[in-house]
Amino acid sequence: MAEWEIWATIAVLAVATAATRSSFWLVGHHITIPPRVNEMLRFAPSCALAAIIAPDLLLEGGRLHLDVSNVKLLAGAAAIVFYLARRNMLQTIVFGMVVFTGLRLLHVLS
């Protein structure tokens, strides 16, 4: 690939990114989103987060790994229980990482 082609690709991708991200800001006040769609959009971040995290917790080497040796899954389950008890996201993240690190250290040392 020539150098000008690389720069042209970067420029086109930058324009495409800016156009898609600014479209709602530019024409957002002219579009009315139906209440049902607006209600469903509230769950989009949760669904996206679950779609990113679930494969990391459940899969190992491309295969389903539901075993007690899966420290990511154990730490994730502990974090879910902690969140349900405390309802504090920052504390949950710290707790989940502490449990994950502890389980990894126990796994390495044993």
PDB file of N, CA and C in Angstrom:
ATOM      1  N   MET A   1       0.846  -1.175   0.000  1.00  0.00           N
ATOM      2  CA  MET A   1       0.000   0.000   0.000  1.00  0.00           C
ATOM      3  C   MET A   1       0.893   1.241   0.000  1.00  0.00           C
ATOM      4  N   ALA A   2       0.573   2.172  -0.869  1.00  0.00           N
ATOM      5  CA  ALA A   2       1.353   3.400  -0.946  1.00  0.00           C
ATOM      6  C   ALA A   2       1.035   4.301   0.240  1.00  0.00           C
ATOM      7  N   GLU A   3       1.940   5.227   0.516  1.00  0.00           N
ATOM      8  CA  GLU A   3       1.749   6.112   1.663  1.00  0.00           C
ATOM      9  C   GLU A   3       0.513   6.986   1.504  1.00  0.00           C
ATOM     10  N   TRP A   4       0.246   7.447   0.295  1.00  0.00           N
ATOM     11  CA  TRP A   4      -0.930   8.309   0.086  1.00  0.00           C
ATOM     12  C   TRP A   4      -2.224   7.529   0.302  1.00  0.00           C
ATOM     13  N   GLU A   5      -2.206   6.219  -0.002  1.00  0.00           N
ATOM     14  CA  GLU A   5      -3.394   5.395   0.216  1.00  0.00           C
ATOM     15  C   GLU A   5      -3.678   5.231   1.711  1.00  0.00           C
ATOM     16  N   ILE A   6      -2.636   5.106   2.495  1.00  0.00           N
ATOM     17  CA  ILE A   6      -2.809   5.000   3.942  1.00  0.00           C
ATOM     18  C   ILE A   6      -3.413   6.283   4.491  1.00  0.00           C
ATOM     19  N   TRP A   7      -2.857   7.435   4.069  1.00  0.00           N
ATOM     20  CA  TRP A   7      -3.388   8.714   4.550  1.00  0.00           C
ATOM     21  C   TRP A   7      -4.811   8.950   4.054  1.00  0.00           C
ATOM     22  N   ALA A   8      -5.123   8.542   2.839  1.00  0.00           N
ATOM     23  CA  ALA A   8      -6.491   8.682   2.316  1.00  0.00           C
ATOM     24  C   ALA A   8      -7.461   7.815   3.112  1.00  0.00           C
ATOM     25  N   THR A   9      -7.041   6.611   3.462  1.00  0.00           N
ATOM     26  CA  THR A   9      -7.886   5.729   4.270  1.00  0.00           C
ATOM     27  C   THR A   9      -8.140   6.324   5.645  1.00  0.00           C
ATOM     28  N   ILE A  10      -7.103   6.869   6.261  1.00  0.00           N
ATOM     29  CA  ILE A  10      -7.263   7.506   7.570  1.00  0.00           C
ATOM     30  C   ILE A  10      -8.216   8.688   7.482  1.00  0.00           C
ATOM     31  N   ALA A  11      -8.082   9.507   6.424  1.00  0.00           N
ATOM     32  CA  ALA A  11      -8.954  10.674   6.259  1.00  0.00           C
ATOM     33  C   ALA A  11     -10.408  10.261   6.047  1.00  0.00           C
ATOM     34  N   VAL A  12     -10.644   9.247   5.227  1.00  0.00           N
ATOM     35  CA  VAL A  12     -12.012   8.786   4.974  1.00  0.00           C
ATOM     36  C   VAL A  12     -12.627   8.217   6.245  1.00  0.00           C
ATOM     37  N   LEU A  13     -11.862   7.442   6.986  1.00  0.00           N
ATOM     38  CA  LEU A  13     -12.375   6.884   8.239  1.00  0.00           C
ATOM     39  C   LEU A  13     -12.651   7.980   9.269  1.00  0.00           C
ATOM     40  N   ALA A  14     -11.824   9.010   9.310  1.00  0.00           N
ATOM     41  CA  ALA A  14     -12.060  10.119  10.232  1.00  0.00           C
ATOM     42  C   ALA A  14     -13.338  10.865   9.877  1.00  0.00           C
ATOM     43  N   VAL A  15     -13.563  11.104   8.584  1.00  0.00           N
ATOM     44  CA  VAL A  15     -14.785  11.782   8.157  1.00  0.00           C
ATOM     45  C   VAL A  15     -16.009  10.914   8.445  1.00  0.00           C
ATOM     46  N   ALA A  16     -15.920   9.636   8.175  1.00  0.00           N
ATOM     47  CA  ALA A  16     -17.046   8.728   8.439  1.00  0.00           C
ATOM     48  C   ALA A  16     -17.373   8.670   9.917  1.00  0.00           C
ATOM     49  N   THR A  17     -16.345   8.611  10.757  1.00  0.00           N
ATOM     50  CA  THR A  17     -16.560   8.573  12.203  1.00  0.00           C
ATOM     51  C   THR A  17     -17.193   9.871  12.686  1.00  0.00           C
ATOM     52  N   ALA A  18     -16.664  11.002  12.233  1.00  0.00           N
ATOM     53  CA  ALA A  18     -17.209  12.300  12.644  1.00  0.00           C
ATOM     54  C   ALA A  18     -18.650  12.464  12.169  1.00  0.00           C
ATOM     55  N   ALA A  19     -18.953  12.021  10.952  1.00  0.00           N
ATOM     56  CA  ALA A  19     -20.306  12.169  10.420  1.00  0.00           C
ATOM     57  C   ALA A  19     -21.314  11.324  11.193  1.00  0.00           C
ATOM     58  N   THR A  20     -20.951  10.089  11.506  1.00  0.00           N
ATOM     59  CA  THR A  20     -21.908   9.238  12.221  1.00  0.00           C
ATOM     60  C   THR A  20     -22.092   9.679  13.664  1.00  0.00           C
ATOM     61  N   ARG A  21     -21.041  10.157  14.288  1.00  0.00           N
ATOM     62  CA  ARG A  21     -21.152  10.577  15.687  1.00  0.00           C
ATOM     63  C   ARG A  21     -21.824  11.929  15.843  1.00  0.00           C
ATOM     64  N   SER A  22     -21.701  12.795  14.862  1.00  0.00           N
ATOM     65  CA  SER A  22     -22.293  14.127  14.982  1.00  0.00           C
ATOM     66  C   SER A  22     -23.682  14.221  14.363  1.00  0.00           C
ATOM     67  N   SER A  23     -24.141  13.161  13.709  1.00  0.00           N
ATOM     68  CA  SER A  23     -25.430  13.242  13.029  1.00  0.00           C
ATOM     69  C   SER A  23     -26.585  13.501  13.993  1.00  0.00           C
ATOM     70  N   PHE A  24     -26.577  12.853  15.155  1.00  0.00           N
ATOM     71  CA  PHE A  24     -27.652  13.086  16.116  1.00  0.00           C
ATOM     72  C   PHE A  24     -27.562  14.477  16.719  1.00  0.00           C
ATOM     73  N   TRP A  25     -26.355  14.984  16.862  1.00  0.00           N
ATOM     74  CA  TRP A  25     -26.187  16.322  17.408  1.00  0.00           C
ATOM     75  C   TRP A  25     -26.666  17.372  16.414  1.00  0.00           C
ATOM     76  N   LEU A  26     -26.423  17.127  15.122  1.00  0.00           N
ATOM     77  CA  LEU A  26     -26.808  18.100  14.098  1.00  0.00           C
ATOM     78  C   LEU A  26     -28.299  18.087  13.801  1.00  0.00           C
ATOM     79  N   VAL A  27     -28.912  16.903  13.751  1.00  0.00           N
ATOM     80  CA  VAL A  27     -30.334  16.816  13.392  1.00  0.00           C
ATOM     81  C   VAL A  27     -31.183  16.230  14.503  1.00  0.00           C
ATOM     82  N   GLY A  28     -30.615  16.086  15.667  1.00  0.00           N
ATOM     83  CA  GLY A  28     -31.327  15.434  16.764  1.00  0.00           C
ATOM     84  C   GLY A  28     -32.591  16.141  17.189  1.00  0.00           C
ATOM     85  N   HIS A  29     -32.616  17.460  17.168  1.00  0.00           N
ATOM     86  CA  HIS A  29     -33.807  18.176  17.599  1.00  0.00           C
ATOM     87  C   HIS A  29     -34.921  18.115  16.560  1.00  0.00           C
ATOM     88  N   HIS A  30     -34.627  17.672  15.346  1.00  0.00           N
ATOM     89  CA  HIS A  30     -35.645  17.545  14.302  1.00  0.00           C
ATOM     90  C   HIS A  30     -36.296  16.162  14.286  1.00  0.00           C
ATOM     91  N   ILE A  31     -35.708  15.223  14.985  1.00  0.00           N
ATOM     92  CA  ILE A  31     -36.200  13.845  14.991  1.00  0.00           C
ATOM     93  C   ILE A  31     -36.818  13.547  16.351  1.00  0.00           C
ATOM     94  N   THR A  32     -38.009  12.968  16.322  1.00  0.00           N
ATOM     95  CA  THR A  32     -38.663  12.552  17.554  1.00  0.00           C
ATOM     96  C   THR A  32     -38.578  11.040  17.655  1.00  0.00           C
ATOM     97  N   ILE A  33     -37.966  10.578  18.710  1.00  0.00           N
ATOM     98  CA  ILE A  33     -37.843   9.138  18.927  1.00  0.00           C
ATOM     99  C   ILE A  33     -39.078   8.671  19.672  1.00  0.00           C
ATOM    100  N   PRO A  34     -39.728   7.614  19.175  1.00  0.00           N
ATOM    101  CA  PRO A  34     -40.912   7.101  19.867  1.00  0.00           C
ATOM    102  C   PRO A  34     -40.569   6.675  21.301  1.00  0.00           C
ATOM    103  N   PRO A  35     -41.508   6.831  22.227  1.00  0.00           N
ATOM    104  CA  PRO A  35     -41.235   6.490  23.627  1.00  0.00           C
ATOM    105  C   PRO A  35     -40.777   5.047  23.827  1.00  0.00           C
ATOM    106  N   ARG A  36     -41.336   4.118  23.067  1.00  0.00           N
ATOM    107  CA  ARG A  36     -40.949   2.713  23.226  1.00  0.00           C
ATOM    108  C   ARG A  36     -39.482   2.494  22.829  1.00  0.00           C
ATOM    109  N   VAL A  37     -39.056   3.124  21.732  1.00  0.00           N
ATOM    110  CA  VAL A  37     -37.660   3.012  21.301  1.00  0.00           C
ATOM    111  C   VAL A  37     -36.747   3.681  22.326  1.00  0.00           C
ATOM    112  N   ASN A  38     -37.151   4.833  22.807  1.00  0.00           N
ATOM    113  CA  ASN A  38     -36.370   5.537  23.815  1.00  0.00           C
ATOM    114  C   ASN A  38     -36.222   4.696  25.083  1.00  0.00           C
ATOM    115  N   GLU A  39     -37.271   3.983  25.450  1.00  0.00           N
ATOM    116  CA  GLU A  39     -37.227   3.105  26.622  1.00  0.00           C
ATOM    117  C   GLU A  39     -36.278   1.939  26.384  1.00  0.00           C
ATOM    118  N   MET A  40     -36.285   1.383  25.181  1.00  0.00           N
ATOM    119  CA  MET A  40     -35.400   0.263  24.872  1.00  0.00           C
ATOM    120  C   MET A  40     -33.943   0.702  24.796  1.00  0.00           C
ATOM    121  N   LEU A  41     -33.679   1.926  24.374  1.00  0.00           N
ATOM    122  CA  LEU A  41     -32.306   2.413  24.264  1.00  0.00           C
ATOM    123  C   LEU A  41     -31.625   2.543  25.618  1.00  0.00           C
ATOM    124  N   ARG A  42     -32.402   2.601  26.687  1.00  0.00           N
ATOM    125  CA  ARG A  42     -31.811   2.655  28.027  1.00  0.00           C
ATOM    126  C   ARG A  42     -31.000   1.409  28.325  1.00  0.00           C
ATOM    127  N   PHE A  43     -31.372   0.275  27.709  1.00  0.00           N
ATOM    128  CA  PHE A  43     -30.712  -0.995  27.988  1.00  0.00           C
ATOM    129  C   PHE A  43     -29.553  -1.276  27.040  1.00  0.00           C
ATOM    130  N   ALA A  44     -29.313  -0.429  26.065  1.00  0.00           N
ATOM    131  CA  ALA A  44     -28.242  -0.669  25.093  1.00  0.00           C
ATOM    132  C   ALA A  44     -26.862  -0.745  25.741  1.00  0.00           C
ATOM    133  N   PRO A  45     -26.498   0.159  26.651  1.00  0.00           N
ATOM    134  CA  PRO A  45     -25.164   0.028  27.269  1.00  0.00           C
ATOM    135  C   PRO A  45     -25.000  -1.269  28.063  1.00  0.00           C
ATOM    136  N   SER A  46     -26.039  -1.693  28.761  1.00  0.00           N
ATOM    137  CA  SER A  46     -25.953  -2.939  29.528  1.00  0.00           C
ATOM    138  C   SER A  46     -25.775  -4.129  28.596  1.00  0.00           C
ATOM    139  N   CYS A  47     -26.505  -4.140  27.500  1.00  0.00           N
ATOM    140  CA  CYS A  47     -26.396  -5.243  26.545  1.00  0.00           C
ATOM    141  C   CYS A  47     -25.020  -5.257  25.886  1.00  0.00           C
ATOM    142  N   ALA A  48     -24.503  -4.095  25.547  1.00  0.00           N
ATOM    143  CA  ALA A  48     -23.173  -4.034  24.936  1.00  0.00           C
ATOM    144  C   ALA A  48     -22.111  -4.507  25.915  1.00  0.00           C
ATOM    145  N   LEU A  49     -22.226  -4.105  27.156  1.00  0.00           N
ATOM    146  CA  LEU A  49     -21.259  -4.532  28.173  1.00  0.00           C
ATOM    147  C   LEU A  49     -21.329  -6.045  28.381  1.00  0.00           C
ATOM    148  N   ALA A  50     -22.537  -6.586  28.432  1.00  0.00           N
ATOM    149  CA  ALA A  50     -22.690  -8.033  28.590  1.00  0.00           C
ATOM    150  C   ALA A  50     -22.116  -8.783  27.390  1.00  0.00           C
ATOM    151  N   ALA A  51     -22.294  -8.241  26.195  1.00  0.00           N
ATOM    152  CA  ALA A  51     -21.773  -8.887  24.998  1.00  0.00           C
ATOM    153  C   ALA A  51     -20.249  -8.886  24.966  1.00  0.00           C
ATOM    154  N   ILE A  52     -19.640  -7.920  25.616  1.00  0.00           N
ATOM    155  CA  ILE A  52     -18.179  -7.865  25.662  1.00  0.00           C
ATOM    156  C   ILE A  52     -17.635  -8.748  26.777  1.00  0.00           C
ATOM    157  N   ILE A  53     -18.288  -8.717  27.936  1.00  0.00           N
ATOM    158  CA  ILE A  53     -17.756  -9.406  29.112  1.00  0.00           C
ATOM    159  C   ILE A  53     -18.087 -10.889  29.129  1.00  0.00           C
ATOM    160  N   ALA A  54     -19.285 -11.278  28.727  1.00  0.00           N
ATOM    161  CA  ALA A  54     -19.704 -12.685  28.823  1.00  0.00           C
ATOM    162  C   ALA A  54     -18.756 -13.649  28.100  1.00  0.00           C
ATOM    163  N   PRO A  55     -18.346 -13.384  26.858  1.00  0.00           N
ATOM    164  CA  PRO A  55     -17.407 -14.330  26.232  1.00  0.00           C
ATOM    165  C   PRO A  55     -16.083 -14.432  26.975  1.00  0.00           C
ATOM    166  N   ASP A  56     -15.629 -13.326  27.551  1.00  0.00           N
ATOM    167  CA  ASP A  56     -14.364 -13.366  28.285  1.00  0.00           C
ATOM    168  C   ASP A  56     -14.479 -14.210  29.556  1.00  0.00           C
ATOM    169  N   LEU A  57     -15.640 -14.183  30.183  1.00  0.00           N
ATOM    170  CA  LEU A  57     -15.834 -14.967  31.401  1.00  0.00           C
ATOM    171  C   LEU A  57     -16.104 -16.440  31.111  1.00  0.00           C
ATOM    172  N   LEU A  58     -16.817 -16.711  30.050  1.00  0.00           N
ATOM    173  CA  LEU A  58     -17.293 -18.076  29.799  1.00  0.00           C
ATOM    174  C   LEU A  58     -16.425 -18.898  28.863  1.00  0.00           C
ATOM    175  N   LEU A  59     -15.644 -18.250  28.008  1.00  0.00           N
ATOM    176  CA  LEU A  59     -14.868 -18.985  27.008  1.00  0.00           C
ATOM    177  C   LEU A  59     -13.390 -18.972  27.350  1.00  0.00           C
ATOM    178  N   GLU A  60     -12.747 -20.078  27.062  1.00  0.00           N
ATOM    179  CA  GLU A  60     -11.299 -20.168  27.213  1.00  0.00           C
ATOM    180  C   GLU A  60     -10.776 -20.973  26.037  1.00  0.00           C
ATOM    181  N   GLY A  61      -9.976 -20.350  25.223  1.00  0.00           N
ATOM    182  CA  GLY A  61      -9.467 -21.024  24.028  1.00  0.00           C
ATOM    183  C   GLY A  61     -10.554 -21.312  23.017  1.00  0.00           C
ATOM    184  N   GLY A  62     -11.603 -20.496  22.992  1.00  0.00           N
ATOM    185  CA  GLY A  62     -12.694 -20.685  22.051  1.00  0.00           C
ATOM    186  C   GLY A  62     -13.712 -21.730  22.454  1.00  0.00           C
ATOM    187  N   ARG A  63     -13.550 -22.325  23.618  1.00  0.00           N
ATOM    188  CA  ARG A  63     -14.479 -23.353  24.103  1.00  0.00           C
ATOM    189  C   ARG A  63     -15.112 -22.908  25.412  1.00  0.00           C
ATOM    190  N   LEU A  64     -16.341 -23.355  25.624  1.00  0.00           N
ATOM    191  CA  LEU A  64     -17.053 -23.042  26.856  1.00  0.00           C
ATOM    192  C   LEU A  64     -16.329 -23.672  28.039  1.00  0.00           C
ATOM    193  N   HIS A  65     -16.047 -22.866  29.067  1.00  0.00           N
ATOM    194  CA  HIS A  65     -15.282 -23.348  30.215  1.00  0.00           C
ATOM    195  C   HIS A  65     -16.053 -23.025  31.492  1.00  0.00           C
ATOM    196  N   LEU A  66     -16.942 -23.926  31.882  1.00  0.00           N
ATOM    197  CA  LEU A  66     -17.741 -23.769  33.098  1.00  0.00           C
ATOM    198  C   LEU A  66     -17.201 -24.721  34.158  1.00  0.00           C
ATOM    199  N   ASP A  67     -16.097 -24.317  34.764  1.00  0.00           N
ATOM    200  CA  ASP A  67     -15.426 -25.167  35.741  1.00  0.00           C
ATOM    201  C   ASP A  67     -14.921 -24.294  36.876  1.00  0.00           C
ATOM    202  N   VAL A  68     -14.655 -24.885  38.025  1.00  0.00           N
ATOM    203  CA  VAL A  68     -14.145 -24.114  39.160  1.00  0.00           C
ATOM    204  C   VAL A  68     -12.721 -23.628  38.929  1.00  0.00           C
ATOM    205  N   SER A  69     -12.047 -24.132  37.920  1.00  0.00           N
ATOM    206  CA  SER A  69     -10.710 -23.643  37.598  1.00  0.00           C
ATOM    207  C   SER A  69     -10.753 -22.372  36.745  1.00  0.00           C
ATOM    208  N   ASN A  70     -11.935 -21.949  36.326  1.00  0.00           N
ATOM    209  CA  ASN A  70     -12.099 -20.709  35.563  1.00  0.00           C
ATOM    210  C   ASN A  70     -12.175 -19.545  36.545  1.00  0.00           C
ATOM    211  N   VAL A  71     -11.018 -18.916  36.805  1.00  0.00           N
ATOM    212  CA  VAL A  71     -10.974 -17.859  37.815  1.00  0.00           C
ATOM    213  C   VAL A  71     -11.733 -16.609  37.375  1.00  0.00           C
ATOM    214  N   LYS A  72     -11.808 -16.363  36.083  1.00  0.00           N
ATOM    215  CA  LYS A  72     -12.578 -15.203  35.602  1.00  0.00           C
ATOM    216  C   LYS A  72     -14.060 -15.378  35.919  1.00  0.00           C
ATOM    217  N   LEU A  73     -14.563 -16.563  35.698  1.00  0.00           N
ATOM    218  CA  LEU A  73     -15.975 -16.827  35.973  1.00  0.00           C
ATOM    219  C   LEU A  73     -16.274 -16.740  37.469  1.00  0.00           C
ATOM    220  N   LEU A  74     -15.390 -17.281  38.287  1.00  0.00           N
ATOM    221  CA  LEU A  74     -15.585 -17.203  39.741  1.00  0.00           C
ATOM    222  C   LEU A  74     -15.543 -15.759  40.231  1.00  0.00           C
ATOM    223  N   ALA A  75     -14.592 -14.980  39.730  1.00  0.00           N
ATOM    224  CA  ALA A  75     -14.503 -13.578  40.130  1.00  0.00           C
ATOM    225  C   ALA A  75     -15.715 -12.791  39.631  1.00  0.00           C
ATOM    226  N   GLY A  76     -16.187 -13.097  38.437  1.00  0.00           N
ATOM    227  CA  GLY A  76     -17.374 -12.439  37.911  1.00  0.00           C
ATOM    228  C   GLY A  76     -18.616 -12.753  38.733  1.00  0.00           C
ATOM    229  N   ALA A  77     -18.756 -14.012  39.124  1.00  0.00           N
ATOM    230  CA  ALA A  77     -19.896 -14.403  39.969  1.00  0.00           C
ATOM    231  C   ALA A  77     -19.820 -13.725  41.329  1.00  0.00           C
ATOM    232  N   ALA A  78     -18.614 -13.646  41.902  1.00  0.00           N
ATOM    233  CA  ALA A  78     -18.449 -12.963  43.189  1.00  0.00           C
ATOM    234  C   ALA A  78     -18.780 -11.482  43.060  1.00  0.00           C
ATOM    235  N   ALA A  79     -18.382 -10.868  41.953  1.00  0.00           N
ATOM    236  CA  ALA A  79     -18.675  -9.452  41.733  1.00  0.00           C
ATOM    237  C   ALA A  79     -20.177  -9.218  41.573  1.00  0.00           C
ATOM    238  N   ILE A  80     -20.871 -10.133  40.906  1.00  0.00           N
ATOM    239  CA  ILE A  80     -22.326  -9.994  40.745  1.00  0.00           C
ATOM    240  C   ILE A  80     -23.017 -10.063  42.101  1.00  0.00           C
ATOM    241  N   VAL A  81     -22.620 -11.027  42.926  1.00  0.00           N
ATOM    242  CA  VAL A  81     -23.207 -11.154  44.266  1.00  0.00           C
ATOM    243  C   VAL A  81     -22.910  -9.897  45.088  1.00  0.00           C
ATOM    244  N   PHE A  82     -21.677  -9.398  44.997  1.00  0.00           N
ATOM    245  CA  PHE A  82     -21.300  -8.191  45.726  1.00  0.00           C
ATOM    246  C   PHE A  82     -22.150  -7.004  45.274  1.00  0.00           C
ATOM    247  N   TYR A  83     -22.337  -6.865  43.954  1.00  0.00           N
ATOM    248  CA  TYR A  83     -23.139  -5.745  43.451  1.00  0.00           C
ATOM    249  C   TYR A  83     -24.588  -5.851  43.921  1.00  0.00           C
ATOM    250  N   LEU A  84     -25.148  -7.034  43.902  1.00  0.00           N
ATOM    251  CA  LEU A  84     -26.534  -7.196  44.350  1.00  0.00           C
ATOM    252  C   LEU A  84     -26.688  -6.844  45.822  1.00  0.00           C
ATOM    253  N   ALA A  85     -25.634  -7.061  46.602  1.00  0.00           N
ATOM    254  CA  ALA A  85     -25.693  -6.730  48.023  1.00  0.00           C
ATOM    255  C   ALA A  85     -25.439  -5.247  48.287  1.00  0.00           C
ATOM    256  N   ARG A  86     -24.513  -4.629  47.536  1.00  0.00           N
ATOM    257  CA  ARG A  86     -24.085  -3.267  47.855  1.00  0.00           C
ATOM    258  C   ARG A  86     -24.625  -2.196  46.912  1.00  0.00           C
ATOM    259  N   ARG A  87     -24.903  -2.534  45.652  1.00  0.00           N
ATOM    260  CA  ARG A  87     -25.400  -1.589  44.643  1.00  0.00           C
ATOM    261  C   ARG A  87     -24.452  -0.406  44.425  1.00  0.00           C
ATOM    262  N   ASN A  88     -23.146  -0.672  44.423  1.00  0.00           N
ATOM    263  CA  ASN A  88     -22.155   0.363  44.186  1.00  0.00           C
ATOM    264  C   ASN A  88     -21.198  -0.145  43.115  1.00  0.00           C
ATOM    265  N   MET A  89     -21.202   0.511  41.957  1.00  0.00           N
ATOM    266  CA  MET A  89     -20.439   0.007  40.815  1.00  0.00           C
ATOM    267  C   MET A  89     -18.931   0.100  41.035  1.00  0.00           C
ATOM    268  N   LEU A  90     -18.447   1.202  41.586  1.00  0.00           N
ATOM    269  CA  LEU A  90     -17.008   1.345  41.796  1.00  0.00           C
ATOM    270  C   LEU A  90     -16.491   0.305  42.778  1.00  0.00           C
ATOM    271  N   GLN A  91     -17.212   0.109  43.868  1.00  0.00           N
ATOM    272  CA  GLN A  91     -16.804  -0.913  44.839  1.00  0.00           C
ATOM    273  C   GLN A  91     -16.853  -2.308  44.208  1.00  0.00           C
ATOM    274  N   THR A  92     -17.826  -2.543  43.345  1.00  0.00           N
ATOM    275  CA  THR A  92     -17.944  -3.836  42.676  1.00  0.00           C
ATOM    276  C   THR A  92     -16.752  -4.098  41.776  1.00  0.00           C
ATOM    277  N   ILE A  93     -16.328  -3.084  41.031  1.00  0.00           N
ATOM    278  CA  ILE A  93     -15.172  -3.252  40.147  1.00  0.00           C
ATOM    279  C   ILE A  93     -13.926  -3.566  40.963  1.00  0.00           C
ATOM    280  N   VAL A  94     -13.713  -2.808  42.038  1.00  0.00           N
ATOM    281  CA  VAL A  94     -12.543  -3.043  42.886  1.00  0.00           C
ATOM    282  C   VAL A  94     -12.626  -4.432  43.519  1.00  0.00           C
ATOM    283  N   PHE A  95     -13.795  -4.789  44.045  1.00  0.00           N
ATOM    284  CA  PHE A  95     -13.970  -6.102  44.667  1.00  0.00           C
ATOM    285  C   PHE A  95     -13.719  -7.220  43.658  1.00  0.00           C
ATOM    286  N   GLY A  96     -14.285  -7.105  42.475  1.00  0.00           N
ATOM    287  CA  GLY A  96     -14.095  -8.131  41.445  1.00  0.00           C
ATOM    288  C   GLY A  96     -12.639  -8.292  41.055  1.00  0.00           C
ATOM    289  N   MET A  97     -11.913  -7.181  40.938  1.00  0.00           N
ATOM    290  CA  MET A  97     -10.499  -7.268  40.582  1.00  0.00           C
ATOM    291  C   MET A  97      -9.666  -7.852  41.720  1.00  0.00           C
ATOM    292  N   VAL A  98     -10.028  -7.521  42.968  1.00  0.00           N
ATOM    293  CA  VAL A  98      -9.311  -8.098  44.113  1.00  0.00           C
ATOM    294  C   VAL A  98      -9.541  -9.608  44.167  1.00  0.00           C
ATOM    295  N   VAL A  99     -10.781 -10.046  43.977  1.00  0.00           N
ATOM    296  CA  VAL A  99     -11.081 -11.482  43.980  1.00  0.00           C
ATOM    297  C   VAL A  99     -10.366 -12.177  42.829  1.00  0.00           C
ATOM    298  N   PHE A 100     -10.393 -11.569  41.651  1.00  0.00           N
ATOM    299  CA  PHE A 100      -9.730 -12.156  40.486  1.00  0.00           C
ATOM    300  C   PHE A 100      -8.225 -12.288  40.720  1.00  0.00           C
ATOM    301  N   THR A 101      -7.612 -11.232  41.242  1.00  0.00           N
ATOM    302  CA  THR A 101      -6.178 -11.274  41.519  1.00  0.00           C
ATOM    303  C   THR A 101      -5.853 -12.314  42.578  1.00  0.00           C
ATOM    304  N   GLY A 102      -6.663 -12.367  43.630  1.00  0.00           N
ATOM    305  CA  GLY A 102      -6.446 -13.373  44.668  1.00  0.00           C
ATOM    306  C   GLY A 102      -6.567 -14.789  44.135  1.00  0.00           C
ATOM    307  N   LEU A 103      -7.575 -15.039  43.319  1.00  0.00           N
ATOM    308  CA  LEU A 103      -7.743 -16.386  42.744  1.00  0.00           C
ATOM    309  C   LEU A 103      -6.598 -16.738  41.808  1.00  0.00           C
ATOM    310  N   ARG A 104      -6.134 -15.771  41.036  1.00  0.00           N
ATOM    311  CA  ARG A 104      -4.988 -16.028  40.139  1.00  0.00           C
ATOM    312  C   ARG A 104      -3.745 -16.347  40.947  1.00  0.00           C
ATOM    313  N   LEU A 105      -3.521 -15.580  42.023  1.00  0.00           N
ATOM    314  CA  LEU A 105      -2.342 -15.853  42.853  1.00  0.00           C
ATOM    315  C   LEU A 105      -2.440 -17.217  43.517  1.00  0.00           C
ATOM    316  N   LEU A 106      -3.627 -17.582  43.988  1.00  0.00           N
ATOM    317  CA  LEU A 106      -3.812 -18.907  44.591  1.00  0.00           C
ATOM    318  C   LEU A 106      -3.589 -20.006  43.565  1.00  0.00           C
ATOM    319  N   HIS A 107      -4.051 -19.776  42.342  1.00  0.00           N
ATOM    320  CA  HIS A 107      -3.902 -20.752  41.276  1.00  0.00           C
ATOM    321  C   HIS A 107      -2.433 -20.920  40.878  1.00  0.00           C
ATOM    322  N   VAL A 108      -1.693 -19.808  40.851  1.00  0.00           N
ATOM    323  CA  VAL A 108      -0.281 -19.867  40.474  1.00  0.00           C
ATOM    324  C   VAL A 108       0.547 -20.499  41.584  1.00  0.00           C
ATOM    325  N   LEU A 109       0.221 -20.176  42.831  1.00  0.00           N
ATOM    326  CA  LEU A 109       1.008 -20.681  43.948  1.00  0.00           C
ATOM    327  C   LEU A 109       0.722 -22.143  44.268  1.00  0.00           C
ATOM    328  N   SER A 110      -0.431 -22.648  43.902  1.00  0.00           N
ATOM    329  CA  SER A 110      -0.750 -24.043  44.247  1.00  0.00           C
ATOM    330  C   SER A 110      -0.319 -25.017  43.179  1.00  0.00           C
TER     331      SER A 110
END
